[in-house]
């Protein structure tokens, strides 16, 4: 995951260092959080298989991200907004 070392981690403070090599991440694809990584190191297998409703900064809605079951890189894709 060397190409992601300079990428933004969801929920981090702006200007903070990038991903920690000792943690697991999922890439967020599409929607308002496109390109960010979410740290999932301590998530259960059930949580990893369902994705999550993520807070969108500056928006009252949450973004629904779910894993893409294509056997490729661990990415979560934007499914829409939850009010």
PDB file of N, CA and C in Angstrom:
ATOM      1  N   UNK A   1       0.824  -1.192   0.000  1.00  0.00           N
ATOM      2  CA  UNK A   1       0.000   0.000   0.000  1.00  0.00           C
ATOM      3  C   UNK A   1       0.867   1.255   0.000  1.00  0.00           C
ATOM      4  N   UNK A   2       2.044   1.186  -0.589  1.00  0.00           N
ATOM      5  CA  UNK A   2       2.942   2.338  -0.580  1.00  0.00           C
ATOM      6  C   UNK A   2       2.377   3.550  -1.292  1.00  0.00           C
ATOM      7  N   UNK A   3       1.587   3.344  -2.363  1.00  0.00           N
ATOM      8  CA  UNK A   3       1.035   4.492  -3.073  1.00  0.00           C
ATOM      9  C   UNK A   3       0.014   5.251  -2.239  1.00  0.00           C
ATOM     10  N   UNK A   4      -0.432   4.679  -1.144  1.00  0.00           N
ATOM     11  CA  UNK A   4      -1.439   5.347  -0.317  1.00  0.00           C
ATOM     12  C   UNK A   4      -0.842   6.079   0.882  1.00  0.00           C
ATOM     13  N   UNK A   5       0.452   6.041   1.057  1.00  0.00           N
ATOM     14  CA  UNK A   5       1.062   6.619   2.258  1.00  0.00           C
ATOM     15  C   UNK A   5       0.779   8.102   2.416  1.00  0.00           C
ATOM     16  N   UNK A   6       0.569   8.828   1.344  1.00  0.00           N
ATOM     17  CA  UNK A   6       0.321  10.263   1.438  1.00  0.00           C
ATOM     18  C   UNK A   6      -1.162  10.593   1.377  1.00  0.00           C
ATOM     19  N   UNK A   7      -2.025   9.607   1.433  1.00  0.00           N
ATOM     20  CA  UNK A   7      -3.454   9.828   1.296  1.00  0.00           C
ATOM     21  C   UNK A   7      -4.090  10.202   2.621  1.00  0.00           C
ATOM     22  N   UNK A   8      -5.278  10.789   2.521  1.00  0.00           N
ATOM     23  CA  UNK A   8      -6.015  11.231   3.696  1.00  0.00           C
ATOM     24  C   UNK A   8      -6.717  10.046   4.347  1.00  0.00           C
ATOM     25  N   UNK A   9      -6.611   9.976   5.657  1.00  0.00           N
ATOM     26  CA  UNK A   9      -7.320   8.953   6.415  1.00  0.00           C
ATOM     27  C   UNK A   9      -8.588   9.594   6.961  1.00  0.00           C
ATOM     28  N   UNK A  10      -9.739   8.954   6.693  1.00  0.00           N
ATOM     29  CA  UNK A  10     -11.031   9.453   7.140  1.00  0.00           C
ATOM     30  C   UNK A  10     -11.014   9.681   8.650  1.00  0.00           C
ATOM     31  N   UNK A  11     -11.480  10.854   9.072  1.00  0.00           N
ATOM     32  CA  UNK A  11     -11.562  11.187  10.487  1.00  0.00           C
ATOM     33  C   UNK A  11     -10.291  11.745  11.083  1.00  0.00           C
ATOM     34  N   UNK A  12      -9.239  11.844  10.292  1.00  0.00           N
ATOM     35  CA  UNK A  12      -7.980  12.367  10.841  1.00  0.00           C
ATOM     36  C   UNK A  12      -7.985  13.893  10.828  1.00  0.00           C
ATOM     37  N   UNK A  13      -7.115  14.463  11.610  1.00  0.00           N
ATOM     38  CA  UNK A  13      -6.954  15.908  11.674  1.00  0.00           C
ATOM     39  C   UNK A  13      -6.192  16.356  10.426  1.00  0.00           C
ATOM     40  N   UNK A  14      -6.661  17.418   9.733  1.00  0.00           N
ATOM     41  CA  UNK A  14      -5.938  17.895   8.548  1.00  0.00           C
ATOM     42  C   UNK A  14      -4.469  18.150   8.866  1.00  0.00           C
ATOM     43  N   UNK A  15      -3.602  17.683   7.978  1.00  0.00           N
ATOM     44  CA  UNK A  15      -2.170  17.860   8.159  1.00  0.00           C
ATOM     45  C   UNK A  15      -1.507  16.757   8.958  1.00  0.00           C
ATOM     46  N   UNK A  16      -2.304  15.813   9.469  1.00  0.00           N
ATOM     47  CA  UNK A  16      -1.714  14.705  10.233  1.00  0.00           C
ATOM     48  C   UNK A  16      -1.046  13.729   9.272  1.00  0.00           C
ATOM     49  N   UNK A  17      -0.151  12.899   9.796  1.00  0.00           N
ATOM     50  CA  UNK A  17       0.529  11.939   8.924  1.00  0.00           C
ATOM     51  C   UNK A  17      -0.465  10.992   8.261  1.00  0.00           C
ATOM     52  N   UNK A  18      -0.040  10.371   7.193  1.00  0.00           N
ATOM     53  CA  UNK A  18      -0.892   9.447   6.457  1.00  0.00           C
ATOM     54  C   UNK A  18      -1.085   8.134   7.183  1.00  0.00           C
ATOM     55  N   UNK A  19      -1.468   7.094   6.455  1.00  0.00           N
ATOM     56  CA  UNK A  19      -1.765   5.800   7.048  1.00  0.00           C
ATOM     57  C   UNK A  19      -0.595   5.209   7.833  1.00  0.00           C
ATOM     58  N   UNK A  20      -0.924   4.481   8.878  1.00  0.00           N
ATOM     59  CA  UNK A  20       0.059   3.777   9.708  1.00  0.00           C
ATOM     60  C   UNK A  20       0.266   2.394   9.095  1.00  0.00           C
ATOM     61  N   UNK A  21       1.503   1.996   8.831  1.00  0.00           N
ATOM     62  CA  UNK A  21       1.739   0.696   8.187  1.00  0.00           C
ATOM     63  C   UNK A  21       1.296  -0.502   9.034  1.00  0.00           C
ATOM     64  N   UNK A  22       1.053  -0.299  10.314  1.00  0.00           N
ATOM     65  CA  UNK A  22       0.616  -1.393  11.186  1.00  0.00           C
ATOM     66  C   UNK A  22      -0.901  -1.524  11.278  1.00  0.00           C
ATOM     67  N   UNK A  23      -1.634  -0.756  10.474  1.00  0.00           N
ATOM     68  CA  UNK A  23      -3.095  -0.795  10.505  1.00  0.00           C
ATOM     69  C   UNK A  23      -3.642  -1.268   9.164  1.00  0.00           C
ATOM     70  N   UNK A  24      -4.890  -1.741   9.186  1.00  0.00           N
ATOM     71  CA  UNK A  24      -5.592  -2.133   7.967  1.00  0.00           C
ATOM     72  C   UNK A  24      -6.537  -1.010   7.560  1.00  0.00           C
ATOM     73  N   UNK A  25      -6.674  -0.817   6.248  1.00  0.00           N
ATOM     74  CA  UNK A  25      -7.490   0.261   5.714  1.00  0.00           C
ATOM     75  C   UNK A  25      -8.369  -0.245   4.585  1.00  0.00           C
ATOM     76  N   UNK A  26      -9.432   0.504   4.310  1.00  0.00           N
ATOM     77  CA  UNK A  26     -10.262   0.301   3.129  1.00  0.00           C
ATOM     78  C   UNK A  26     -10.321   1.633   2.393  1.00  0.00           C
ATOM     79  N   UNK A  27     -10.249   1.564   1.075  1.00  0.00           N
ATOM     80  CA  UNK A  27     -10.350   2.765   0.253  1.00  0.00           C
ATOM     81  C   UNK A  27     -11.820   3.081   0.017  1.00  0.00           C
ATOM     82  N   UNK A  28     -12.186   4.355   0.157  1.00  0.00           N
ATOM     83  CA  UNK A  28     -13.549   4.812  -0.107  1.00  0.00           C
ATOM     84  C   UNK A  28     -13.620   5.309  -1.548  1.00  0.00           C
ATOM     85  N   UNK A  29     -14.540   4.763  -2.320  1.00  0.00           N
ATOM     86  CA  UNK A  29     -14.637   5.085  -3.745  1.00  0.00           C
ATOM     87  C   UNK A  29     -15.976   5.738  -4.055  1.00  0.00           C
ATOM     88  N   UNK A  30     -15.916   6.867  -4.731  1.00  0.00           N
ATOM     89  CA  UNK A  30     -17.122   7.588  -5.113  1.00  0.00           C
ATOM     90  C   UNK A  30     -17.676   8.395  -3.953  1.00  0.00           C
ATOM     91  N   UNK A  31     -18.666   9.218  -4.258  1.00  0.00           N
ATOM     92  CA  UNK A  31     -19.323  10.005  -3.220  1.00  0.00           C
ATOM     93  C   UNK A  31     -18.447  11.074  -2.610  1.00  0.00           C
ATOM     94  N   UNK A  32     -18.880  11.614  -1.486  1.00  0.00           N
ATOM     95  CA  UNK A  32     -18.202  12.760  -0.888  1.00  0.00           C
ATOM     96  C   UNK A  32     -16.854  12.433  -0.243  1.00  0.00           C
ATOM     97  N   UNK A  33     -16.575  11.184   0.029  1.00  0.00           N
ATOM     98  CA  UNK A  33     -15.322  10.795   0.696  1.00  0.00           C
ATOM     99  C   UNK A  33     -14.376  10.066  -0.256  1.00  0.00           C
ATOM    100  N   UNK A  34     -14.609  10.202  -1.541  1.00  0.00           N
ATOM    101  CA  UNK A  34     -13.828   9.515  -2.564  1.00  0.00           C
ATOM    102  C   UNK A  34     -12.325   9.713  -2.371  1.00  0.00           C
ATOM    103  N   UNK A  35     -11.597   8.611  -2.399  1.00  0.00           N
ATOM    104  CA  UNK A  35     -10.146   8.661  -2.308  1.00  0.00           C
ATOM    105  C   UNK A  35      -9.592   8.584  -0.900  1.00  0.00           C
ATOM    106  N   UNK A  36     -10.434   8.755   0.099  1.00  0.00           N
ATOM    107  CA  UNK A  36      -9.947   8.666   1.475  1.00  0.00           C
ATOM    108  C   UNK A  36      -9.836   7.203   1.893  1.00  0.00           C
ATOM    109  N   UNK A  37      -9.060   6.981   2.936  1.00  0.00           N
ATOM    110  CA  UNK A  37      -8.920   5.651   3.514  1.00  0.00           C
ATOM    111  C   UNK A  37      -9.578   5.639   4.878  1.00  0.00           C
ATOM    112  N   UNK A  38     -10.215   4.527   5.235  1.00  0.00           N
ATOM    113  CA  UNK A  38     -10.783   4.388   6.566  1.00  0.00           C
ATOM    114  C   UNK A  38     -10.035   3.264   7.279  1.00  0.00           C
ATOM    115  N   UNK A  39      -9.615   3.536   8.508  1.00  0.00           N
ATOM    116  CA  UNK A  39      -8.855   2.579   9.302  1.00  0.00           C
ATOM    117  C   UNK A  39      -9.823   1.565   9.906  1.00  0.00           C
ATOM    118  N   UNK A  40      -9.613   0.273   9.630  1.00  0.00           N
ATOM    119  CA  UNK A  40     -10.537  -0.780  10.063  1.00  0.00           C
ATOM    120  C   UNK A  40      -9.835  -1.887  10.856  1.00  0.00           C
ATOM    121  N   UNK A  41      -8.707  -1.589  11.428  1.00  0.00           N
ATOM    122  CA  UNK A  41      -7.892  -2.594  12.104  1.00  0.00           C
ATOM    123  C   UNK A  41      -8.664  -3.411  13.131  1.00  0.00           C
ATOM    124  N   UNK A  42      -9.475  -2.780  13.960  1.00  0.00           N
ATOM    125  CA  UNK A  42     -10.173  -3.477  15.038  1.00  0.00           C
ATOM    126  C   UNK A  42     -11.615  -3.837  14.702  1.00  0.00           C
ATOM    127  N   UNK A  43     -12.003  -3.735  13.440  1.00  0.00           N
ATOM    128  CA  UNK A  43     -13.368  -4.053  13.053  1.00  0.00           C
ATOM    129  C   UNK A  43     -13.559  -5.568  13.001  1.00  0.00           C
ATOM    130  N   UNK A  44     -14.770  -6.017  13.296  1.00  0.00           N
ATOM    131  CA  UNK A  44     -15.092  -7.448  13.244  1.00  0.00           C
ATOM    132  C   UNK A  44     -15.315  -7.860  11.781  1.00  0.00           C
ATOM    133  N   UNK A  45     -15.238  -9.163  11.488  1.00  0.00           N
ATOM    134  CA  UNK A  45     -15.538  -9.612  10.128  1.00  0.00           C
ATOM    135  C   UNK A  45     -16.934  -9.190   9.661  1.00  0.00           C
ATOM    136  N   UNK A  46     -17.908  -9.197  10.573  1.00  0.00           N
ATOM    137  CA  UNK A  46     -19.260  -8.768  10.206  1.00  0.00           C
ATOM    138  C   UNK A  46     -19.274  -7.293   9.819  1.00  0.00           C
ATOM    139  N   UNK A  47     -18.599  -6.459  10.599  1.00  0.00           N
ATOM    140  CA  UNK A  47     -18.537  -5.031  10.269  1.00  0.00           C
ATOM    141  C   UNK A  47     -17.834  -4.817   8.930  1.00  0.00           C
ATOM    142  N   UNK A  48     -16.771  -5.542   8.680  1.00  0.00           N
ATOM    143  CA  UNK A  48     -16.036  -5.397   7.425  1.00  0.00           C
ATOM    144  C   UNK A  48     -16.869  -5.838   6.226  1.00  0.00           C
ATOM    145  N   UNK A  49     -17.754  -6.799   6.424  1.00  0.00           N
ATOM    146  CA  UNK A  49     -18.552  -7.300   5.303  1.00  0.00           C
ATOM    147  C   UNK A  49     -19.753  -6.417   4.990  1.00  0.00           C
ATOM    148  N   UNK A  50     -20.134  -5.536   5.926  1.00  0.00           N
ATOM    149  CA  UNK A  50     -21.306  -4.692   5.688  1.00  0.00           C
ATOM    150  C   UNK A  50     -20.969  -3.245   5.377  1.00  0.00           C
ATOM    151  N   UNK A  51     -19.763  -2.775   5.715  1.00  0.00           N
ATOM    152  CA  UNK A  51     -19.418  -1.383   5.477  1.00  0.00           C
ATOM    153  C   UNK A  51     -19.915  -0.493   6.586  1.00  0.00           C
ATOM    154  N   UNK A  52     -20.231   0.763   6.250  1.00  0.00           N
ATOM    155  CA  UNK A  52     -20.670   1.661   7.306  1.00  0.00           C
ATOM    156  C   UNK A  52     -21.319   2.926   6.799  1.00  0.00           C
ATOM    157  N   UNK A  53     -22.018   3.596   7.719  1.00  0.00           N
ATOM    158  CA  UNK A  53     -22.594   4.917   7.476  1.00  0.00           C
ATOM    159  C   UNK A  53     -21.603   5.915   8.052  1.00  0.00           C
ATOM    160  N   UNK A  54     -20.980   6.706   7.195  1.00  0.00           N
ATOM    161  CA  UNK A  54     -19.900   7.592   7.613  1.00  0.00           C
ATOM    162  C   UNK A  54     -20.337   9.049   7.618  1.00  0.00           C
ATOM    163  N   UNK A  55     -19.913   9.764   8.631  1.00  0.00           N
ATOM    164  CA  UNK A  55     -20.216  11.187   8.747  1.00  0.00           C
ATOM    165  C   UNK A  55     -19.497  11.944   7.640  1.00  0.00           C
ATOM    166  N   UNK A  56     -20.227  12.838   6.992  1.00  0.00           N
ATOM    167  CA  UNK A  56     -19.662  13.686   5.942  1.00  0.00           C
ATOM    168  C   UNK A  56     -19.463  15.074   6.531  1.00  0.00           C
ATOM    169  N   UNK A  57     -18.224  15.554   6.629  1.00  0.00           N
ATOM    170  CA  UNK A  57     -17.990  16.884   7.190  1.00  0.00           C
ATOM    171  C   UNK A  57     -18.794  17.961   6.455  1.00  0.00           C
ATOM    172  N   UNK A  58     -19.473  18.814   7.217  1.00  0.00           N
ATOM    173  CA  UNK A  58     -20.254  19.900   6.650  1.00  0.00           C
ATOM    174  C   UNK A  58     -21.605  19.486   6.090  1.00  0.00           C
ATOM    175  N   UNK A  59     -22.035  18.272   6.367  1.00  0.00           N
ATOM    176  CA  UNK A  59     -23.304  17.765   5.844  1.00  0.00           C
ATOM    177  C   UNK A  59     -24.049  17.080   6.988  1.00  0.00           C
ATOM    178  N   UNK A  60     -25.366  17.188   7.000  1.00  0.00           N
ATOM    179  CA  UNK A  60     -26.155  16.544   8.049  1.00  0.00           C
ATOM    180  C   UNK A  60     -26.398  15.069   7.751  1.00  0.00           C
ATOM    181  N   UNK A  61     -26.160  14.668   6.518  1.00  0.00           N
ATOM    182  CA  UNK A  61     -26.400  13.282   6.127  1.00  0.00           C
ATOM    183  C   UNK A  61     -25.145  12.437   6.366  1.00  0.00           C
ATOM    184  N   UNK A  62     -25.347  11.138   6.392  1.00  0.00           N
ATOM    185  CA  UNK A  62     -24.230  10.202   6.436  1.00  0.00           C
ATOM    186  C   UNK A  62     -24.144   9.518   5.074  1.00  0.00           C
ATOM    187  N   UNK A  63     -22.935   9.172   4.699  1.00  0.00           N
ATOM    188  CA  UNK A  63     -22.715   8.475   3.440  1.00  0.00           C
ATOM    189  C   UNK A  63     -22.646   6.977   3.705  1.00  0.00           C
ATOM    190  N   UNK A  64     -23.379   6.210   2.917  1.00  0.00           N
ATOM    191  CA  UNK A  64     -23.390   4.754   3.032  1.00  0.00           C
ATOM    192  C   UNK A  64     -22.319   4.189   2.106  1.00  0.00           C
ATOM    193  N   UNK A  65     -21.334   3.502   2.696  1.00  0.00           N
ATOM    194  CA  UNK A  65     -20.277   2.844   1.927  1.00  0.00           C
ATOM    195  C   UNK A  65     -20.331   1.352   2.211  1.00  0.00           C
ATOM    196  N   UNK A  66     -20.307   0.542   1.142  1.00  0.00           N
ATOM    197  CA  UNK A  66     -20.359  -0.906   1.272  1.00  0.00           C
ATOM    198  C   UNK A  66     -19.219  -1.526   0.472  1.00  0.00           C
ATOM    199  N   UNK A  67     -18.732  -2.691   0.926  1.00  0.00           N
ATOM    200  CA  UNK A  67     -17.623  -3.329   0.219  1.00  0.00           C
ATOM    201  C   UNK A  67     -18.041  -3.824  -1.163  1.00  0.00           C
ATOM    202  N   UNK A  68     -17.115  -3.721  -2.083  1.00  0.00           N
ATOM    203  CA  UNK A  68     -17.311  -4.270  -3.417  1.00  0.00           C
ATOM    204  C   UNK A  68     -16.805  -5.707  -3.384  1.00  0.00           C
ATOM    205  N   UNK A  69     -17.650  -6.636  -3.725  1.00  0.00           N
ATOM    206  CA  UNK A  69     -17.299  -8.058  -3.652  1.00  0.00           C
ATOM    207  C   UNK A  69     -16.734  -8.536  -4.993  1.00  0.00           C
ATOM    208  N   UNK A  70     -15.583  -7.993  -5.386  1.00  0.00           N
ATOM    209  CA  UNK A  70     -14.997  -8.401  -6.669  1.00  0.00           C
ATOM    210  C   UNK A  70     -13.701  -9.189  -6.498  1.00  0.00           C
ATOM    211  N   UNK A  71     -13.293  -9.435  -5.255  1.00  0.00           N
ATOM    212  CA  UNK A  71     -12.071 -10.179  -5.012  1.00  0.00           C
ATOM    213  C   UNK A  71     -10.807  -9.365  -5.224  1.00  0.00           C
ATOM    214  N   UNK A  72     -10.953  -8.094  -5.575  1.00  0.00           N
ATOM    215  CA  UNK A  72      -9.792  -7.243  -5.796  1.00  0.00           C
ATOM    216  C   UNK A  72      -9.373  -6.530  -4.527  1.00  0.00           C
ATOM    217  N   UNK A  73      -8.835  -5.351  -4.682  1.00  0.00           N
ATOM    218  CA  UNK A  73      -8.395  -4.545  -3.545  1.00  0.00           C
ATOM    219  C   UNK A  73      -9.573  -4.250  -2.621  1.00  0.00           C
ATOM    220  N   UNK A  74      -9.314  -4.174  -1.327  1.00  0.00           N
ATOM    221  CA  UNK A  74     -10.410  -3.922  -0.374  1.00  0.00           C
ATOM    222  C   UNK A  74     -10.916  -2.475  -0.468  1.00  0.00           C
ATOM    223  N   UNK A  75     -11.983  -2.291  -1.237  1.00  0.00           N
ATOM    224  CA  UNK A  75     -12.567  -0.964  -1.442  1.00  0.00           C
ATOM    225  C   UNK A  75     -14.024  -0.974  -1.026  1.00  0.00           C
ATOM    226  N   UNK A  76     -14.459   0.174  -0.532  1.00  0.00           N
ATOM    227  CA  UNK A  76     -15.865   0.358  -0.217  1.00  0.00           C
ATOM    228  C   UNK A  76     -16.422   1.415  -1.169  1.00  0.00           C
ATOM    229  N   UNK A  77     -17.591   1.126  -1.731  1.00  0.00           N
ATOM    230  CA  UNK A  77     -18.192   2.017  -2.721  1.00  0.00           C
ATOM    231  C   UNK A  77     -19.396   2.741  -2.155  1.00  0.00           C
ATOM    232  N   UNK A  78     -19.513   4.000  -2.560  1.00  0.00           N
ATOM    233  CA  UNK A  78     -20.604   4.873  -2.142  1.00  0.00           C
ATOM    234  C   UNK A  78     -21.927   4.346  -2.678  1.00  0.00           C
ATOM    235  N   UNK A  79     -22.925   4.201  -1.786  1.00  0.00           N
ATOM    236  CA  UNK A  79     -24.235   3.699  -2.156  1.00  0.00           C
ATOM    237  C   UNK A  79     -25.320   4.769  -2.120  1.00  0.00           C
ATOM    238  N   UNK A  80     -25.004   5.913  -1.514  1.00  0.00           N
ATOM    239  CA  UNK A  80     -25.985   6.978  -1.381  1.00  0.00           C
ATOM    240  C   UNK A  80     -25.933   7.575   0.022  1.00  0.00           C
ATOM    241  N   UNK A  81     -26.896   8.429   0.324  1.00  0.00           N
ATOM    242  CA  UNK A  81     -26.941   9.108   1.615  1.00  0.00           C
ATOM    243  C   UNK A  81     -28.014   8.528   2.510  1.00  0.00           C
ATOM    244  N   UNK A  82     -27.770   8.595   3.796  1.00  0.00           N
ATOM    245  CA  UNK A  82     -28.720   8.227   4.834  1.00  0.00           C
ATOM    246  C   UNK A  82     -29.051   9.518   5.576  1.00  0.00           C
ATOM    247  N   UNK A  83     -30.305   9.815   5.763  1.00  0.00           N
ATOM    248  CA  UNK A  83     -30.685  11.055   6.471  1.00  0.00           C
ATOM    249  C   UNK A  83     -30.519  10.934   7.953  1.00  0.00           C
TER     250      UNK A  83
END
